[in-house]
Amino acid sequence: SALYWIKKAVEINPTSHHSSEWIHIKILQAKLKAKDNQKYLWEHSILS
């Protein structure tokens, strides 16, 4: 749900917070990919 609403926020105003919400989207995508596996998040860069 968080990813849905952040993407919606970016669609409405892509320049908010110095156009930084793409980072928030990357974070949420990494969380969903990890599926609460902290080890995965420690081993993989968020922004590559």
ModelCIF file with pLDDT and N, C-alpha, C, O atoms, coordinates in Angstrom:
data_MODEL
#
_entry.id   MODEL 
#
_entity.id                         1 
_entity.type                       polymer 
_entity.pdbx_number_of_molecules   1 
#
_entity_poly.entity_id                      1 
_entity_poly.type                           'polypeptide(L)' 
_entity_poly.nstd_linkage                   no 
_entity_poly.nstd_monomer                   no 
_entity_poly.pdbx_seq_one_letter_code       SALYWIKKAVEINPTSHHSSEWIHIKILQAKLKAKDNQKYLWEHSILS 
_entity_poly.pdbx_seq_one_letter_code_can   SALYWIKKAVEINPTSHHSSEWIHIKILQAKLKAKDNQKYLWEHSILS 
_entity_poly.pdbx_strand_id                 A 
#
loop_
_entity_poly_seq.entity_id 
_entity_poly_seq.num 
_entity_poly_seq.mon_id 
_entity_poly_seq.hetero 
1 1  SER n 
1 2  ALA n 
1 3  LEU n 
1 4  TYR n 
1 5  TRP n 
1 6  ILE n 
1 7  LYS n 
1 8  LYS n 
1 9  ALA n 
1 10 VAL n 
1 11 GLU n 
1 12 ILE n 
1 13 ASN n 
1 14 PRO n 
1 15 THR n 
1 16 SER n 
1 17 HIS n 
1 18 HIS n 
1 19 SER n 
1 20 SER n 
1 21 GLU n 
1 22 TRP n 
1 23 ILE n 
1 24 HIS n 
1 25 ILE n 
1 26 LYS n 
1 27 ILE n 
1 28 LEU n 
1 29 GLN n 
1 30 ALA n 
1 31 LYS n 
1 32 LEU n 
1 33 LYS n 
1 34 ALA n 
1 35 LYS n 
1 36 ASP n 
1 37 ASN n 
1 38 GLN n 
1 39 LYS n 
1 40 TYR n 
1 41 LEU n 
1 42 TRP n 
1 43 GLU n 
1 44 HIS n 
1 45 SER n 
1 46 ILE n 
1 47 LEU n 
1 48 SER n 
#
_struct_asym.id          A 
_struct_asym.entity_id   1 
#
loop_
_ma_qa_metric.id 
_ma_qa_metric.mode 
_ma_qa_metric.name 
_ma_qa_metric.software_group_id 
_ma_qa_metric.type 
1 global pLDDT . pLDDT 
2 local  pLDDT . pLDDT 
#
_ma_qa_metric_global.metric_id      1 
_ma_qa_metric_global.metric_value   95.04 
_ma_qa_metric_global.model_id       1 
_ma_qa_metric_global.ordinal_id     1 
#
loop_
_ma_qa_metric_local.label_asym_id 
_ma_qa_metric_local.label_comp_id 
_ma_qa_metric_local.label_seq_id 
_ma_qa_metric_local.metric_id 
_ma_qa_metric_local.metric_value 
_ma_qa_metric_local.model_id 
_ma_qa_metric_local.ordinal_id 
A SER 1  2 98.00 1 1  
A ALA 2  2 98.00 1 2  
A LEU 3  2 98.00 1 3  
A TYR 4  2 98.00 1 4  
A TRP 5  2 98.00 1 5  
A ILE 6  2 98.00 1 6  
A LYS 7  2 98.00 1 7  
A LYS 8  2 98.00 1 8  
A ALA 9  2 97.00 1 9  
A VAL 10 2 97.00 1 10 
A GLU 11 2 97.00 1 11 
A ILE 12 2 97.00 1 12 
A ASN 13 2 96.00 1 13 
A PRO 14 2 95.00 1 14 
A THR 15 2 95.00 1 15 
A SER 16 2 91.00 1 16 
A HIS 17 2 89.00 1 17 
A HIS 18 2 92.00 1 18 
A SER 19 2 95.00 1 19 
A SER 20 2 96.00 1 20 
A GLU 21 2 97.00 1 21 
A TRP 22 2 97.00 1 22 
A ILE 23 2 98.00 1 23 
A HIS 24 2 98.00 1 24 
A ILE 25 2 98.00 1 25 
A LYS 26 2 98.00 1 26 
A ILE 27 2 98.00 1 27 
A LEU 28 2 98.00 1 28 
A GLN 29 2 97.00 1 29 
A ALA 30 2 97.00 1 30 
A LYS 31 2 96.00 1 31 
A LEU 32 2 96.00 1 32 
A LYS 33 2 95.00 1 33 
A ALA 34 2 95.00 1 34 
A LYS 35 2 88.00 1 35 
A ASP 36 2 77.00 1 36 
A ASN 37 2 88.00 1 37 
A GLN 38 2 86.00 1 38 
A LYS 39 2 93.00 1 39 
A TYR 40 2 94.00 1 40 
A LEU 41 2 95.00 1 41 
A TRP 42 2 96.00 1 42 
A GLU 43 2 94.00 1 43 
A HIS 44 2 94.00 1 44 
A SER 45 2 94.00 1 45 
A ILE 46 2 95.00 1 46 
A LEU 47 2 96.00 1 47 
A SER 48 2 93.00 1 48 
#
loop_
_atom_site.group_PDB 
_atom_site.id 
_atom_site.type_symbol 
_atom_site.label_atom_id 
_atom_site.label_alt_id 
_atom_site.label_comp_id 
_atom_site.label_asym_id 
_atom_site.label_entity_id 
_atom_site.label_seq_id 
_atom_site.pdbx_PDB_ins_code 
_atom_site.Cartn_x 
_atom_site.Cartn_y 
_atom_site.Cartn_z 
_atom_site.occupancy 
_atom_site.B_iso_or_equiv 
_atom_site.pdbx_formal_charge 
_atom_site.auth_seq_id 
_atom_site.auth_comp_id 
_atom_site.auth_asym_id 
_atom_site.auth_atom_id 
_atom_site.pdbx_PDB_model_num 
ATOM 1   N N  . SER A 1 1  ? 0.837  -1.206  0.000   1.00 98.00 ? 1  SER A N  1 
ATOM 2   C CA . SER A 1 1  ? 0.000  0.000   0.000   1.00 98.00 ? 1  SER A CA 1 
ATOM 3   C C  . SER A 1 1  ? 0.870  1.255   0.000   1.00 98.00 ? 1  SER A C  1 
ATOM 4   O O  . SER A 1 1  ? 0.538  2.255   -0.637  1.00 98.00 ? 1  SER A O  1 
ATOM 5   N N  . ALA A 1 2  ? 1.969  1.190   0.710   1.00 98.00 ? 2  ALA A N  1 
ATOM 6   C CA . ALA A 1 2  ? 2.879  2.335   0.753   1.00 98.00 ? 2  ALA A CA 1 
ATOM 7   C C  . ALA A 1 2  ? 3.395  2.658   -0.642  1.00 98.00 ? 2  ALA A C  1 
ATOM 8   O O  . ALA A 1 2  ? 3.413  3.820   -1.047  1.00 98.00 ? 2  ALA A O  1 
ATOM 9   N N  . LEU A 1 3  ? 3.815  1.629   -1.379  1.00 98.00 ? 3  LEU A N  1 
ATOM 10  C CA . LEU A 1 3  ? 4.343  1.829   -2.735  1.00 98.00 ? 3  LEU A CA 1 
ATOM 11  C C  . LEU A 1 3  ? 3.264  2.407   -3.650  1.00 98.00 ? 3  LEU A C  1 
ATOM 12  O O  . LEU A 1 3  ? 3.547  3.284   -4.466  1.00 98.00 ? 3  LEU A O  1 
ATOM 13  N N  . TYR A 1 4  ? 2.043  1.923   -3.518  1.00 98.00 ? 4  TYR A N  1 
ATOM 14  C CA . TYR A 1 4  ? 0.938  2.430   -4.342  1.00 98.00 ? 4  TYR A CA 1 
ATOM 15  C C  . TYR A 1 4  ? 0.755  3.925   -4.146  1.00 98.00 ? 4  TYR A C  1 
ATOM 16  O O  . TYR A 1 4  ? 0.625  4.675   -5.114  1.00 98.00 ? 4  TYR A O  1 
ATOM 17  N N  . TRP A 1 5  ? 0.745  4.359   -2.882  1.00 98.00 ? 5  TRP A N  1 
ATOM 18  C CA . TRP A 1 5  ? 0.457  5.767   -2.599  1.00 98.00 ? 5  TRP A CA 1 
ATOM 19  C C  . TRP A 1 5  ? 1.648  6.676   -2.891  1.00 98.00 ? 5  TRP A C  1 
ATOM 20  O O  . TRP A 1 5  ? 1.457  7.826   -3.290  1.00 98.00 ? 5  TRP A O  1 
ATOM 21  N N  . ILE A 1 6  ? 2.855  6.192   -2.704  1.00 98.00 ? 6  ILE A N  1 
ATOM 22  C CA . ILE A 1 6  ? 4.024  7.009   -3.047  1.00 98.00 ? 6  ILE A CA 1 
ATOM 23  C C  . ILE A 1 6  ? 4.105  7.196   -4.557  1.00 98.00 ? 6  ILE A C  1 
ATOM 24  O O  . ILE A 1 6  ? 4.411  8.293   -5.027  1.00 98.00 ? 6  ILE A O  1 
ATOM 25  N N  . LYS A 1 7  ? 3.837  6.147   -5.321  1.00 98.00 ? 7  LYS A N  1 
ATOM 26  C CA . LYS A 1 7  ? 3.815  6.288   -6.772  1.00 98.00 ? 7  LYS A CA 1 
ATOM 27  C C  . LYS A 1 7  ? 2.728  7.274   -7.202  1.00 98.00 ? 7  LYS A C  1 
ATOM 28  O O  . LYS A 1 7  ? 2.927  8.067   -8.122  1.00 98.00 ? 7  LYS A O  1 
ATOM 29  N N  . LYS A 1 8  ? 1.606  7.215   -6.542  1.00 98.00 ? 8  LYS A N  1 
ATOM 30  C CA . LYS A 1 8  ? 0.509  8.140   -6.848  1.00 98.00 ? 8  LYS A CA 1 
ATOM 31  C C  . LYS A 1 8  ? 0.921  9.578   -6.533  1.00 98.00 ? 8  LYS A C  1 
ATOM 32  O O  . LYS A 1 8  ? 0.595  10.504  -7.275  1.00 98.00 ? 8  LYS A O  1 
ATOM 33  N N  . ALA A 1 9  ? 1.644  9.753   -5.417  1.00 97.00 ? 9  ALA A N  1 
ATOM 34  C CA . ALA A 1 9  ? 2.121  11.087  -5.040  1.00 97.00 ? 9  ALA A CA 1 
ATOM 35  C C  . ALA A 1 9  ? 3.080  11.641  -6.086  1.00 97.00 ? 9  ALA A C  1 
ATOM 36  O O  . ALA A 1 9  ? 3.030  12.824  -6.421  1.00 97.00 ? 9  ALA A O  1 
ATOM 37  N N  . VAL A 1 10 ? 3.957  10.774  -6.602  1.00 97.00 ? 10 VAL A N  1 
ATOM 38  C CA . VAL A 1 10 ? 4.921  11.194  -7.629  1.00 97.00 ? 10 VAL A CA 1 
ATOM 39  C C  . VAL A 1 10 ? 4.203  11.587  -8.914  1.00 97.00 ? 10 VAL A C  1 
ATOM 40  O O  . VAL A 1 10 ? 4.612  12.531  -9.590  1.00 97.00 ? 10 VAL A O  1 
ATOM 41  N N  . GLU A 1 11 ? 3.138  10.872  -9.253  1.00 97.00 ? 11 GLU A N  1 
ATOM 42  C CA . GLU A 1 11 ? 2.351  11.216  -10.446 1.00 97.00 ? 11 GLU A CA 1 
ATOM 43  C C  . GLU A 1 11 ? 1.732  12.609  -10.299 1.00 97.00 ? 11 GLU A C  1 
ATOM 44  O O  . GLU A 1 11 ? 1.663  13.372  -11.263 1.00 97.00 ? 11 GLU A O  1 
ATOM 45  N N  . ILE A 1 12 ? 1.288  12.926  -9.095  1.00 97.00 ? 12 ILE A N  1 
ATOM 46  C CA . ILE A 1 12 ? 0.653  14.225  -8.855  1.00 97.00 ? 12 ILE A CA 1 
ATOM 47  C C  . ILE A 1 12 ? 1.680  15.347  -8.839  1.00 97.00 ? 12 ILE A C  1 
ATOM 48  O O  . ILE A 1 12 ? 1.464  16.403  -9.434  1.00 97.00 ? 12 ILE A O  1 
ATOM 49  N N  . ASN A 1 13 ? 2.808  15.115  -8.149  1.00 96.00 ? 13 ASN A N  1 
ATOM 50  C CA . ASN A 1 13 ? 3.836  16.163  -8.020  1.00 96.00 ? 13 ASN A CA 1 
ATOM 51  C C  . ASN A 1 13 ? 5.222  15.524  -8.045  1.00 96.00 ? 13 ASN A C  1 
ATOM 52  O O  . ASN A 1 13 ? 5.774  15.199  -6.994  1.00 96.00 ? 13 ASN A O  1 
ATOM 53  N N  . PRO A 1 14 ? 5.782  15.345  -9.233  1.00 95.00 ? 14 PRO A N  1 
ATOM 54  C CA . PRO A 1 14 ? 7.084  14.663  -9.345  1.00 95.00 ? 14 PRO A CA 1 
ATOM 55  C C  . PRO A 1 14 ? 8.264  15.481  -8.832  1.00 95.00 ? 14 PRO A C  1 
ATOM 56  O O  . PRO A 1 14 ? 9.348  14.930  -8.643  1.00 95.00 ? 14 PRO A O  1 
ATOM 57  N N  . THR A 1 15 ? 8.085  16.776  -8.603  1.00 95.00 ? 15 THR A N  1 
ATOM 58  C CA . THR A 1 15 ? 9.210  17.626  -8.192  1.00 95.00 ? 15 THR A CA 1 
ATOM 59  C C  . THR A 1 15 ? 9.295  17.830  -6.683  1.00 95.00 ? 15 THR A C  1 
ATOM 60  O O  . THR A 1 15 ? 10.200 18.518  -6.211  1.00 95.00 ? 15 THR A O  1 
ATOM 61  N N  . SER A 1 16 ? 8.385  17.256  -5.925  1.00 91.00 ? 16 SER A N  1 
ATOM 62  C CA . SER A 1 16 ? 8.400  17.462  -4.473  1.00 91.00 ? 16 SER A CA 1 
ATOM 63  C C  . SER A 1 16 ? 9.657  16.885  -3.828  1.00 91.00 ? 16 SER A C  1 
ATOM 64  O O  . SER A 1 16 ? 10.217 15.897  -4.304  1.00 91.00 ? 16 SER A O  1 
ATOM 65  N N  . HIS A 1 17 ? 10.092 17.518  -2.736  1.00 89.00 ? 17 HIS A N  1 
ATOM 66  C CA . HIS A 1 17 ? 11.289 17.073  -1.998  1.00 89.00 ? 17 HIS A CA 1 
ATOM 67  C C  . HIS A 1 17 ? 12.502 16.958  -2.922  1.00 89.00 ? 17 HIS A C  1 
ATOM 68  O O  . HIS A 1 17 ? 13.207 15.949  -2.914  1.00 89.00 ? 17 HIS A O  1 
ATOM 69  N N  . HIS A 1 18 ? 12.733 17.995  -3.710  1.00 92.00 ? 18 HIS A N  1 
ATOM 70  C CA . HIS A 1 18 ? 13.861 18.017  -4.660  1.00 92.00 ? 18 HIS A CA 1 
ATOM 71  C C  . HIS A 1 18 ? 13.792 16.847  -5.646  1.00 92.00 ? 18 HIS A C  1 
ATOM 72  O O  . HIS A 1 18 ? 14.818 16.314  -6.067  1.00 92.00 ? 18 HIS A O  1 
ATOM 73  N N  . SER A 1 19 ? 12.557 16.456  -6.009  1.00 95.00 ? 19 SER A N  1 
ATOM 74  C CA . SER A 1 19 ? 12.341 15.333  -6.941  1.00 95.00 ? 19 SER A CA 1 
ATOM 75  C C  . SER A 1 19 ? 12.988 14.049  -6.423  1.00 95.00 ? 19 SER A C  1 
ATOM 76  O O  . SER A 1 19 ? 13.546 13.267  -7.192  1.00 95.00 ? 19 SER A O  1 
ATOM 77  N N  . SER A 1 20 ? 12.902 13.846  -5.107  1.00 96.00 ? 20 SER A N  1 
ATOM 78  C CA . SER A 1 20 ? 13.628 12.721  -4.483  1.00 96.00 ? 20 SER A CA 1 
ATOM 79  C C  . SER A 1 20 ? 12.775 11.488  -4.213  1.00 96.00 ? 20 SER A C  1 
ATOM 80  O O  . SER A 1 20 ? 13.289 10.489  -3.712  1.00 96.00 ? 20 SER A O  1 
ATOM 81  N N  . GLU A 1 21 ? 11.482 11.536  -4.533  1.00 97.00 ? 21 GLU A N  1 
ATOM 82  C CA . GLU A 1 21 ? 10.627 10.410  -4.153  1.00 97.00 ? 21 GLU A CA 1 
ATOM 83  C C  . GLU A 1 21 ? 10.944 9.131   -4.928  1.00 97.00 ? 21 GLU A C  1 
ATOM 84  O O  . GLU A 1 21 ? 10.492 8.050   -4.553  1.00 97.00 ? 21 GLU A O  1 
ATOM 85  N N  . TRP A 1 22 ? 11.722 9.253   -6.012  1.00 97.00 ? 22 TRP A N  1 
ATOM 86  C CA . TRP A 1 22 ? 12.167 8.034   -6.700  1.00 97.00 ? 22 TRP A CA 1 
ATOM 87  C C  . TRP A 1 22 ? 12.995 7.158   -5.755  1.00 97.00 ? 22 TRP A C  1 
ATOM 88  O O  . TRP A 1 22 ? 13.008 5.933   -5.870  1.00 97.00 ? 22 TRP A O  1 
ATOM 89  N N  . ILE A 1 23 ? 13.691 7.823   -4.810  1.00 98.00 ? 23 ILE A N  1 
ATOM 90  C CA . ILE A 1 23 ? 14.470 7.067   -3.813  1.00 98.00 ? 23 ILE A CA 1 
ATOM 91  C C  . ILE A 1 23 ? 13.525 6.310   -2.890  1.00 98.00 ? 23 ILE A C  1 
ATOM 92  O O  . ILE A 1 23 ? 13.784 5.158   -2.538  1.00 98.00 ? 23 ILE A O  1 
ATOM 93  N N  . HIS A 1 24 ? 12.428 6.958   -2.497  1.00 98.00 ? 24 HIS A N  1 
ATOM 94  C CA . HIS A 1 24 ? 11.436 6.309   -1.633  1.00 98.00 ? 24 HIS A CA 1 
ATOM 95  C C  . HIS A 1 24 ? 10.851 5.082   -2.350  1.00 98.00 ? 24 HIS A C  1 
ATOM 96  O O  . HIS A 1 24 ? 10.642 4.033   -1.741  1.00 98.00 ? 24 HIS A O  1 
ATOM 97  N N  . ILE A 1 25 ? 10.600 5.236   -3.629  1.00 98.00 ? 25 ILE A N  1 
ATOM 98  C CA . ILE A 1 25 ? 10.077 4.106   -4.407  1.00 98.00 ? 25 ILE A CA 1 
ATOM 99  C C  . ILE A 1 25 ? 11.082 2.955   -4.438  1.00 98.00 ? 25 ILE A C  1 
ATOM 100 O O  . ILE A 1 25 ? 10.700 1.795   -4.286  1.00 98.00 ? 25 ILE A O  1 
ATOM 101 N N  . LYS A 1 26 ? 12.358 3.269   -4.633  1.00 98.00 ? 26 LYS A N  1 
ATOM 102 C CA . LYS A 1 26 ? 13.414 2.252   -4.630  1.00 98.00 ? 26 LYS A CA 1 
ATOM 103 C C  . LYS A 1 26 ? 13.469 1.527   -3.282  1.00 98.00 ? 26 LYS A C  1 
ATOM 104 O O  . LYS A 1 26 ? 13.657 0.312   -3.227  1.00 98.00 ? 26 LYS A O  1 
ATOM 105 N N  . ILE A 1 27 ? 13.305 2.279   -2.212  1.00 98.00 ? 27 ILE A N  1 
ATOM 106 C CA . ILE A 1 27 ? 13.336 1.686   -0.870  1.00 98.00 ? 27 ILE A CA 1 
ATOM 107 C C  . ILE A 1 27 ? 12.192 0.686   -0.704  1.00 98.00 ? 27 ILE A C  1 
ATOM 108 O O  . ILE A 1 27 ? 12.396 -0.434  -0.236  1.00 98.00 ? 27 ILE A O  1 
ATOM 109 N N  . LEU A 1 28 ? 11.000 1.102   -1.089  1.00 98.00 ? 28 LEU A N  1 
ATOM 110 C CA . LEU A 1 28 ? 9.834  0.236   -0.939  1.00 98.00 ? 28 LEU A CA 1 
ATOM 111 C C  . LEU A 1 28 ? 9.937  -0.999  -1.835  1.00 98.00 ? 28 LEU A C  1 
ATOM 112 O O  . LEU A 1 28 ? 9.548  -2.095  -1.432  1.00 98.00 ? 28 LEU A O  1 
ATOM 113 N N  . GLN A 1 29 ? 10.455 -0.821  -3.035  1.00 97.00 ? 29 GLN A N  1 
ATOM 114 C CA . GLN A 1 29 ? 10.649 -1.969  -3.921  1.00 97.00 ? 29 GLN A CA 1 
ATOM 115 C C  . GLN A 1 29 ? 11.654 -2.962  -3.337  1.00 97.00 ? 29 GLN A C  1 
ATOM 116 O O  . GLN A 1 29 ? 11.475 -4.175  -3.440  1.00 97.00 ? 29 GLN A O  1 
ATOM 117 N N  . ALA A 1 30 ? 12.719 -2.426  -2.720  1.00 97.00 ? 30 ALA A N  1 
ATOM 118 C CA . ALA A 1 30 ? 13.714 -3.302  -2.083  1.00 97.00 ? 30 ALA A CA 1 
ATOM 119 C C  . ALA A 1 30 ? 13.092 -4.057  -0.909  1.00 97.00 ? 30 ALA A C  1 
ATOM 120 O O  . ALA A 1 30 ? 13.373 -5.239  -0.707  1.00 97.00 ? 30 ALA A O  1 
ATOM 121 N N  . LYS A 1 31 ? 12.250 -3.375  -0.140  1.00 96.00 ? 31 LYS A N  1 
ATOM 122 C CA . LYS A 1 31 ? 11.584 -4.029  0.997   1.00 96.00 ? 31 LYS A CA 1 
ATOM 123 C C  . LYS A 1 31 ? 10.684 -5.167  0.516   1.00 96.00 ? 31 LYS A C  1 
ATOM 124 O O  . LYS A 1 31 ? 10.671 -6.250  1.100   1.00 96.00 ? 31 LYS A O  1 
ATOM 125 N N  . LEU A 1 32 ? 9.945  -4.911  -0.540  1.00 96.00 ? 32 LEU A N  1 
ATOM 126 C CA . LEU A 1 32 ? 9.039  -5.938  -1.063  1.00 96.00 ? 32 LEU A CA 1 
ATOM 127 C C  . LEU A 1 32 ? 9.819  -7.113  -1.640  1.00 96.00 ? 32 LEU A C  1 
ATOM 128 O O  . LEU A 1 32 ? 9.402  -8.263  -1.511  1.00 96.00 ? 32 LEU A O  1 
ATOM 129 N N  . LYS A 1 33 ? 10.943 -6.825  -2.272  1.00 95.00 ? 33 LYS A N  1 
ATOM 130 C CA . LYS A 1 33 ? 11.772 -7.892  -2.826  1.00 95.00 ? 33 LYS A CA 1 
ATOM 131 C C  . LYS A 1 33 ? 12.398 -8.723  -1.716  1.00 95.00 ? 33 LYS A C  1 
ATOM 132 O O  . LYS A 1 33 ? 12.536 -9.941  -1.835  1.00 95.00 ? 33 LYS A O  1 
ATOM 133 N N  . ALA A 1 34 ? 12.776 -8.046  -0.633  1.00 95.00 ? 34 ALA A N  1 
ATOM 134 C CA . ALA A 1 34 ? 13.418 -8.751  0.484   1.00 95.00 ? 34 ALA A CA 1 
ATOM 135 C C  . ALA A 1 34 ? 12.439 -9.603  1.270   1.00 95.00 ? 34 ALA A C  1 
ATOM 136 O O  . ALA A 1 34 ? 12.823 -10.608 1.869   1.00 95.00 ? 34 ALA A O  1 
ATOM 137 N N  . LYS A 1 35 ? 11.159 -9.197  1.269   1.00 88.00 ? 35 LYS A N  1 
ATOM 138 C CA . LYS A 1 35 ? 10.120 -9.909  2.031   1.00 88.00 ? 35 LYS A CA 1 
ATOM 139 C C  . LYS A 1 35 ? 10.531 -10.068 3.503   1.00 88.00 ? 35 LYS A C  1 
ATOM 140 O O  . LYS A 1 35 ? 10.510 -11.162 4.066   1.00 88.00 ? 35 LYS A O  1 
ATOM 141 N N  . ASP A 1 36 ? 10.902 -8.941  4.091   1.00 77.00 ? 36 ASP A N  1 
ATOM 142 C CA . ASP A 1 36 ? 11.308 -8.888  5.508   1.00 77.00 ? 36 ASP A CA 1 
ATOM 143 C C  . ASP A 1 36 ? 12.583 -9.665  5.804   1.00 77.00 ? 36 ASP A C  1 
ATOM 144 O O  . ASP A 1 36 ? 12.871 -9.959  6.964   1.00 77.00 ? 36 ASP A O  1 
ATOM 145 N N  . ASN A 1 37 ? 13.346 -9.997  4.776   1.00 88.00 ? 37 ASN A N  1 
ATOM 146 C CA . ASN A 1 37 ? 14.631 -10.673 4.964   1.00 88.00 ? 37 ASN A CA 1 
ATOM 147 C C  . ASN A 1 37 ? 15.720 -9.612  5.145   1.00 88.00 ? 37 ASN A C  1 
ATOM 148 O O  . ASN A 1 37 ? 16.236 -9.074  4.165   1.00 88.00 ? 37 ASN A O  1 
ATOM 149 N N  . GLN A 1 38 ? 16.061 -9.320  6.384   1.00 86.00 ? 38 GLN A N  1 
ATOM 150 C CA . GLN A 1 38 ? 17.046 -8.280  6.679   1.00 86.00 ? 38 GLN A CA 1 
ATOM 151 C C  . GLN A 1 38 ? 18.406 -8.596  6.057   1.00 86.00 ? 38 GLN A C  1 
ATOM 152 O O  . GLN A 1 38 ? 19.140 -7.687  5.668   1.00 86.00 ? 38 GLN A O  1 
ATOM 153 N N  . LYS A 1 39 ? 18.738 -9.873  5.964   1.00 93.00 ? 39 LYS A N  1 
ATOM 154 C CA . LYS A 1 39 ? 20.026 -10.261 5.384   1.00 93.00 ? 39 LYS A CA 1 
ATOM 155 C C  . LYS A 1 39 ? 20.123 -9.794  3.931   1.00 93.00 ? 39 LYS A C  1 
ATOM 156 O O  . LYS A 1 39 ? 21.171 -9.322  3.489   1.00 93.00 ? 39 LYS A O  1 
ATOM 157 N N  . TYR A 1 40 ? 19.024 -9.930  3.199   1.00 94.00 ? 40 TYR A N  1 
ATOM 158 C CA . TYR A 1 40 ? 19.001 -9.481  1.806   1.00 94.00 ? 40 TYR A CA 1 
ATOM 159 C C  . TYR A 1 40 ? 19.272 -7.983  1.727   1.00 94.00 ? 40 TYR A C  1 
ATOM 160 O O  . TYR A 1 40 ? 20.047 -7.530  0.885   1.00 94.00 ? 40 TYR A O  1 
ATOM 161 N N  . LEU A 1 41 ? 18.632 -7.216  2.605   1.00 95.00 ? 41 LEU A N  1 
ATOM 162 C CA . LEU A 1 41 ? 18.786 -5.762  2.585   1.00 95.00 ? 41 LEU A CA 1 
ATOM 163 C C  . LEU A 1 41 ? 20.205 -5.337  2.968   1.00 95.00 ? 41 LEU A C  1 
ATOM 164 O O  . LEU A 1 41 ? 20.716 -4.346  2.447   1.00 95.00 ? 41 LEU A O  1 
ATOM 165 N N  . TRP A 1 42 ? 20.839 -6.077  3.870   1.00 96.00 ? 42 TRP A N  1 
ATOM 166 C CA . TRP A 1 42 ? 22.219 -5.763  4.246   1.00 96.00 ? 42 TRP A CA 1 
ATOM 167 C C  . TRP A 1 42 ? 23.168 -6.035  3.085   1.00 96.00 ? 42 TRP A C  1 
ATOM 168 O O  . TRP A 1 42 ? 24.178 -5.349  2.931   1.00 96.00 ? 42 TRP A O  1 
ATOM 169 N N  . GLU A 1 43 ? 22.848 -7.025  2.277   1.00 94.00 ? 43 GLU A N  1 
ATOM 170 C CA . GLU A 1 43 ? 23.767 -7.464  1.225   1.00 94.00 ? 43 GLU A CA 1 
ATOM 171 C C  . GLU A 1 43 ? 23.554 -6.757  -0.111  1.00 94.00 ? 43 GLU A C  1 
ATOM 172 O O  . GLU A 1 43 ? 24.373 -6.902  -1.019  1.00 94.00 ? 43 GLU A O  1 
ATOM 173 N N  . HIS A 1 44 ? 22.475 -5.998  -0.247  1.00 94.00 ? 44 HIS A N  1 
ATOM 174 C CA . HIS A 1 44 ? 22.169 -5.362  -1.534  1.00 94.00 ? 44 HIS A CA 1 
ATOM 175 C C  . HIS A 1 44 ? 22.008 -3.846  -1.370  1.00 94.00 ? 44 HIS A C  1 
ATOM 176 O O  . HIS A 1 44 ? 21.306 -3.367  -0.480  1.00 94.00 ? 44 HIS A O  1 
ATOM 177 N N  . SER A 1 45 ? 22.671 -3.125  -2.242  1.00 94.00 ? 45 SER A N  1 
ATOM 178 C CA . SER A 1 45 ? 22.544 -1.667  -2.253  1.00 94.00 ? 45 SER A CA 1 
ATOM 179 C C  . SER A 1 45 ? 21.143 -1.265  -2.701  1.00 94.00 ? 45 SER A C  1 
ATOM 180 O O  . SER A 1 45 ? 20.554 -1.908  -3.570  1.00 94.00 ? 45 SER A O  1 
ATOM 181 N N  . ILE A 1 46 ? 20.617 -0.205  -2.108  1.00 95.00 ? 46 ILE A N  1 
ATOM 182 C CA . ILE A 1 46 ? 19.272 0.249   -2.452  1.00 95.00 ? 46 ILE A CA 1 
ATOM 183 C C  . ILE A 1 46 ? 19.268 0.941   -3.815  1.00 95.00 ? 46 ILE A C  1 
ATOM 184 O O  . ILE A 1 46 ? 18.380 0.700   -4.632  1.00 95.00 ? 46 ILE A O  1 
ATOM 185 N N  . LEU A 1 47 ? 20.252 1.794   -4.059  1.00 96.00 ? 47 LEU A N  1 
ATOM 186 C CA . LEU A 1 47 ? 20.266 2.607   -5.278  1.00 96.00 ? 47 LEU A CA 1 
ATOM 187 C C  . LEU A 1 47 ? 21.241 2.094   -6.333  1.00 96.00 ? 47 LEU A C  1 
ATOM 188 O O  . LEU A 1 47 ? 21.267 2.612   -7.450  1.00 96.00 ? 47 LEU A O  1 
ATOM 189 N N  . SER A 1 48 ? 22.037 1.089   -5.998  1.00 93.00 ? 48 SER A N  1 
ATOM 190 C CA . SER A 1 48 ? 23.011 0.509   -6.936  1.00 93.00 ? 48 SER A CA 1 
ATOM 191 C C  . SER A 1 48 ? 23.949 1.557   -7.529  1.00 93.00 ? 48 SER A C  1 
ATOM 192 O O  . SER A 1 48 ? 24.819 1.222   -8.333  1.00 93.00 ? 48 SER A O  1 
#
